[in-house]
Amino acid sequence: MFQHPDMPDFDEGDGDKCKAWLAEQGLIVAMVSLESAEPAIADRYFESHDPNCSYWEPERPEGEGWFCLAIHDTDDGPVCWWARREVTP
């Protein structure tokens, strides 16, 4: 659906590789699911049987520096990965 151009293509089952890449980049990730979106938006997506979810605006986590790293489909519908650099004390 979408991924940041600097993010490598990971295959299903590459969870450890993805976690390692995120750590190398100094990124933390917060996941937001379309399934937990406003009911009208979630219903529109799941009832349409259409993979287009471009009308969905995933809620950005609180705090500064978040950017959309990826939006991809899962068995439970689309999810958005928000990412930001780890804050060091």
N, C-alpha and C. Protein backbone atom coordinates (compact mmCIF):
# COMPACT_ATOMS: atom_id res chain seq x y z
N MET A 1 0.82 -1.18 0.00
CA MET A 1 0.00 0.00 0.00
C MET A 1 0.87 1.25 0.00
N PHE A 2 1.77 1.35 1.00
CA PHE A 2 2.73 2.47 1.05
C PHE A 2 3.87 2.07 1.98
N GLN A 3 5.07 2.47 1.61
CA GLN A 3 6.18 2.41 2.57
C GLN A 3 7.16 3.51 2.24
N HIS A 4 7.81 4.01 3.27
CA HIS A 4 8.80 5.06 3.12
C HIS A 4 9.86 4.57 2.12
N PRO A 5 10.32 5.43 1.22
CA PRO A 5 11.27 4.99 0.20
C PRO A 5 12.60 4.47 0.74
N ASP A 6 12.98 4.82 1.96
CA ASP A 6 14.23 4.32 2.54
C ASP A 6 14.07 2.99 3.26
N MET A 7 12.83 2.52 3.39
CA MET A 7 12.59 1.26 4.10
C MET A 7 12.78 0.10 3.13
N PRO A 8 13.60 -0.89 3.50
CA PRO A 8 13.77 -2.05 2.63
C PRO A 8 12.48 -2.86 2.51
N ASP A 9 12.40 -3.65 1.46
CA ASP A 9 11.26 -4.56 1.29
C ASP A 9 11.51 -5.79 2.17
N PHE A 10 10.65 -6.02 3.12
CA PHE A 10 10.74 -7.19 3.97
C PHE A 10 9.63 -8.15 3.57
N ASP A 11 9.94 -9.43 3.55
CA ASP A 11 8.95 -10.45 3.24
C ASP A 11 8.26 -10.90 4.53
N GLU A 12 7.12 -11.54 4.36
CA GLU A 12 6.42 -12.10 5.51
C GLU A 12 7.38 -13.07 6.19
N GLY A 13 7.48 -12.99 7.48
CA GLY A 13 8.40 -13.84 8.22
C GLY A 13 9.75 -13.20 8.49
N ASP A 14 9.96 -11.99 7.97
CA ASP A 14 11.22 -11.27 8.17
C ASP A 14 11.18 -10.35 9.40
N GLY A 15 10.40 -10.71 10.39
CA GLY A 15 10.23 -9.86 11.56
C GLY A 15 11.54 -9.50 12.24
N ASP A 16 12.45 -10.48 12.38
CA ASP A 16 13.72 -10.20 13.03
C ASP A 16 14.57 -9.24 12.20
N LYS A 17 14.56 -9.41 10.89
CA LYS A 17 15.31 -8.50 10.00
C LYS A 17 14.75 -7.09 10.10
N CYS A 18 13.43 -6.98 10.14
CA CYS A 18 12.79 -5.67 10.24
C CYS A 18 13.13 -5.01 11.56
N LYS A 19 13.05 -5.75 12.65
CA LYS A 19 13.39 -5.20 13.97
C LYS A 19 14.84 -4.74 14.00
N ALA A 20 15.73 -5.52 13.39
CA ALA A 20 17.15 -5.14 13.36
C ALA A 20 17.34 -3.85 12.56
N TRP A 21 16.65 -3.73 11.43
CA TRP A 21 16.76 -2.52 10.61
C TRP A 21 16.25 -1.31 11.38
N LEU A 22 15.11 -1.45 12.06
CA LEU A 22 14.56 -0.35 12.85
C LEU A 22 15.55 0.08 13.93
N ALA A 23 16.19 -0.89 14.60
CA ALA A 23 17.16 -0.58 15.64
C ALA A 23 18.37 0.14 15.04
N GLU A 24 18.84 -0.32 13.89
CA GLU A 24 19.98 0.33 13.22
C GLU A 24 19.67 1.78 12.87
N GLN A 25 18.42 2.04 12.53
CA GLN A 25 17.99 3.39 12.17
C GLN A 25 17.69 4.25 13.39
N GLY A 26 17.62 3.63 14.56
CA GLY A 26 17.28 4.36 15.78
C GLY A 26 15.81 4.76 15.81
N LEU A 27 14.95 3.91 15.25
CA LEU A 27 13.53 4.23 15.16
C LEU A 27 12.71 3.43 16.15
N ILE A 28 11.68 4.07 16.67
CA ILE A 28 10.64 3.36 17.41
C ILE A 28 9.38 3.44 16.56
N VAL A 29 8.52 2.44 16.69
CA VAL A 29 7.33 2.34 15.85
C VAL A 29 6.09 2.22 16.72
N ALA A 30 5.04 2.92 16.31
CA ALA A 30 3.72 2.77 16.92
C ALA A 30 2.76 2.36 15.81
N MET A 31 2.02 1.29 16.04
CA MET A 31 1.11 0.78 15.02
C MET A 31 -0.32 1.23 15.31
N VAL A 32 -1.00 1.69 14.26
CA VAL A 32 -2.40 2.08 14.35
C VAL A 32 -3.16 1.25 13.33
N SER A 33 -4.25 0.64 13.74
CA SER A 33 -5.03 -0.24 12.89
C SER A 33 -6.28 0.45 12.36
N LEU A 34 -6.59 0.22 11.09
CA LEU A 34 -7.84 0.75 10.55
C LEU A 34 -9.02 0.13 11.29
N GLU A 35 -8.86 -1.10 11.73
CA GLU A 35 -9.92 -1.79 12.46
C GLU A 35 -10.34 -1.01 13.71
N SER A 36 -9.40 -0.25 14.29
CA SER A 36 -9.73 0.53 15.49
C SER A 36 -10.12 1.97 15.17
N ALA A 37 -10.25 2.28 13.89
CA ALA A 37 -10.64 3.62 13.47
C ALA A 37 -12.12 3.85 13.76
N GLU A 38 -12.55 5.05 13.48
CA GLU A 38 -13.96 5.39 13.62
C GLU A 38 -14.80 4.31 12.94
N PRO A 39 -15.88 3.83 13.58
CA PRO A 39 -16.66 2.72 13.02
C PRO A 39 -17.11 2.93 11.56
N ALA A 40 -17.48 4.13 11.19
CA ALA A 40 -17.93 4.36 9.81
C ALA A 40 -16.81 4.10 8.80
N ILE A 41 -15.58 4.44 9.16
CA ILE A 41 -14.45 4.21 8.26
C ILE A 41 -14.12 2.73 8.19
N ALA A 42 -14.06 2.08 9.35
CA ALA A 42 -13.78 0.65 9.37
C ALA A 42 -14.86 -0.12 8.62
N ASP A 43 -16.12 0.21 8.87
CA ASP A 43 -17.22 -0.47 8.17
C ASP A 43 -17.12 -0.26 6.67
N ARG A 44 -16.81 0.95 6.24
CA ARG A 44 -16.68 1.24 4.80
C ARG A 44 -15.64 0.33 4.17
N TYR A 45 -14.50 0.19 4.83
CA TYR A 45 -13.43 -0.64 4.28
C TYR A 45 -13.84 -2.11 4.24
N PHE A 46 -14.28 -2.64 5.37
CA PHE A 46 -14.55 -4.08 5.45
C PHE A 46 -15.78 -4.50 4.67
N GLU A 47 -16.75 -3.62 4.51
CA GLU A 47 -17.95 -3.96 3.74
C GLU A 47 -17.74 -3.82 2.24
N SER A 48 -16.77 -3.02 1.82
CA SER A 48 -16.56 -2.78 0.39
C SER A 48 -15.81 -3.92 -0.29
N HIS A 49 -15.02 -4.68 0.46
CA HIS A 49 -14.16 -5.73 -0.11
C HIS A 49 -13.22 -5.16 -1.16
N ASP A 50 -12.86 -3.90 -1.01
CA ASP A 50 -11.96 -3.19 -1.92
C ASP A 50 -10.70 -2.85 -1.12
N PRO A 51 -9.51 -3.18 -1.64
CA PRO A 51 -8.29 -2.91 -0.88
C PRO A 51 -7.91 -1.44 -0.76
N ASN A 52 -8.63 -0.55 -1.42
CA ASN A 52 -8.33 0.88 -1.36
C ASN A 52 -8.77 1.44 -0.01
N CYS A 53 -7.82 1.99 0.72
CA CYS A 53 -8.15 2.63 2.01
C CYS A 53 -7.61 4.05 2.03
N SER A 54 -7.48 4.66 0.87
CA SER A 54 -6.87 5.99 0.77
C SER A 54 -7.66 7.07 1.51
N TYR A 55 -8.90 6.82 1.85
CA TYR A 55 -9.73 7.78 2.58
C TYR A 55 -9.44 7.74 4.09
N TRP A 56 -8.69 6.72 4.53
CA TRP A 56 -8.37 6.57 5.95
C TRP A 56 -7.20 7.47 6.31
N GLU A 57 -7.36 8.26 7.36
CA GLU A 57 -6.29 9.09 7.88
C GLU A 57 -5.91 8.55 9.26
N PRO A 58 -4.90 7.69 9.31
CA PRO A 58 -4.52 7.08 10.60
C PRO A 58 -4.16 8.13 11.63
N GLU A 59 -4.60 7.90 12.85
CA GLU A 59 -4.35 8.85 13.93
C GLU A 59 -2.86 8.82 14.30
N ARG A 60 -2.25 9.99 14.31
CA ARG A 60 -0.83 10.13 14.65
C ARG A 60 -0.68 10.03 16.18
N PRO A 61 0.32 9.28 16.65
CA PRO A 61 0.56 9.21 18.09
C PRO A 61 0.89 10.59 18.67
N GLU A 62 0.69 10.73 19.95
CA GLU A 62 1.01 11.99 20.61
C GLU A 62 2.52 12.18 20.64
N GLY A 63 2.93 13.41 20.60
CA GLY A 63 4.34 13.72 20.67
C GLY A 63 4.87 14.24 19.34
N GLU A 64 6.11 14.65 19.35
CA GLU A 64 6.75 15.26 18.18
C GLU A 64 7.51 14.24 17.35
N GLY A 65 7.66 14.53 16.07
CA GLY A 65 8.58 13.79 15.21
C GLY A 65 8.04 12.55 14.54
N TRP A 66 6.77 12.23 14.69
CA TRP A 66 6.22 11.02 14.06
C TRP A 66 6.05 11.22 12.57
N PHE A 67 6.39 10.18 11.80
CA PHE A 67 6.16 10.18 10.35
C PHE A 67 5.64 8.81 9.95
N CYS A 68 4.94 8.76 8.83
CA CYS A 68 4.38 7.50 8.36
C CYS A 68 5.50 6.67 7.73
N LEU A 69 5.80 5.54 8.32
CA LEU A 69 6.83 4.65 7.80
C LEU A 69 6.22 3.67 6.79
N ALA A 70 5.01 3.19 7.07
CA ALA A 70 4.38 2.23 6.16
C ALA A 70 2.90 2.09 6.47
N ILE A 71 2.14 1.77 5.43
CA ILE A 71 0.76 1.34 5.58
C ILE A 71 0.67 0.05 4.77
N HIS A 72 0.30 -1.01 5.46
CA HIS A 72 0.21 -2.29 4.75
C HIS A 72 -0.96 -3.11 5.27
N ASP A 73 -1.36 -4.07 4.45
CA ASP A 73 -2.51 -4.90 4.77
C ASP A 73 -2.07 -6.07 5.65
N THR A 74 -2.94 -6.46 6.54
CA THR A 74 -2.72 -7.64 7.39
C THR A 74 -3.98 -8.49 7.31
N ASP A 75 -3.97 -9.62 7.99
CA ASP A 75 -5.16 -10.47 8.03
C ASP A 75 -6.34 -9.75 8.67
N ASP A 76 -6.04 -8.74 9.50
CA ASP A 76 -7.10 -7.98 10.19
C ASP A 76 -7.36 -6.62 9.55
N GLY A 77 -6.85 -6.40 8.34
CA GLY A 77 -7.04 -5.13 7.65
C GLY A 77 -5.80 -4.27 7.71
N PRO A 78 -5.85 -3.09 7.10
CA PRO A 78 -4.69 -2.21 7.02
C PRO A 78 -4.22 -1.71 8.39
N VAL A 79 -2.90 -1.53 8.49
CA VAL A 79 -2.29 -0.92 9.66
C VAL A 79 -1.31 0.15 9.19
N CYS A 80 -1.13 1.14 10.01
CA CYS A 80 -0.16 2.20 9.74
C CYS A 80 0.95 2.10 10.78
N TRP A 81 2.19 2.12 10.30
CA TRP A 81 3.33 2.18 11.19
C TRP A 81 3.82 3.62 11.23
N TRP A 82 3.64 4.27 12.38
CA TRP A 82 4.21 5.58 12.62
C TRP A 82 5.59 5.36 13.23
N ALA A 83 6.55 6.14 12.83
CA ALA A 83 7.90 5.98 13.37
C ALA A 83 8.47 7.35 13.75
N ARG A 84 9.42 7.31 14.67
CA ARG A 84 10.20 8.51 15.01
C ARG A 84 11.52 8.04 15.60
N ARG A 85 12.47 8.96 15.60
CA ARG A 85 13.78 8.66 16.17
C ARG A 85 13.63 8.49 17.68
N GLU A 86 14.39 7.53 18.22
CA GLU A 86 14.38 7.33 19.67
C GLU A 86 14.93 8.57 20.34
N VAL A 87 14.28 8.97 21.39
CA VAL A 87 14.72 10.12 22.16
C VAL A 87 15.73 9.62 23.19
N THR A 88 16.93 10.19 23.15
CA THR A 88 17.95 9.79 24.12
C THR A 88 18.05 10.84 25.22
N PRO A 89 18.16 10.39 26.46
CA PRO A 89 18.22 11.35 27.58
C PRO A 89 19.52 12.14 27.61
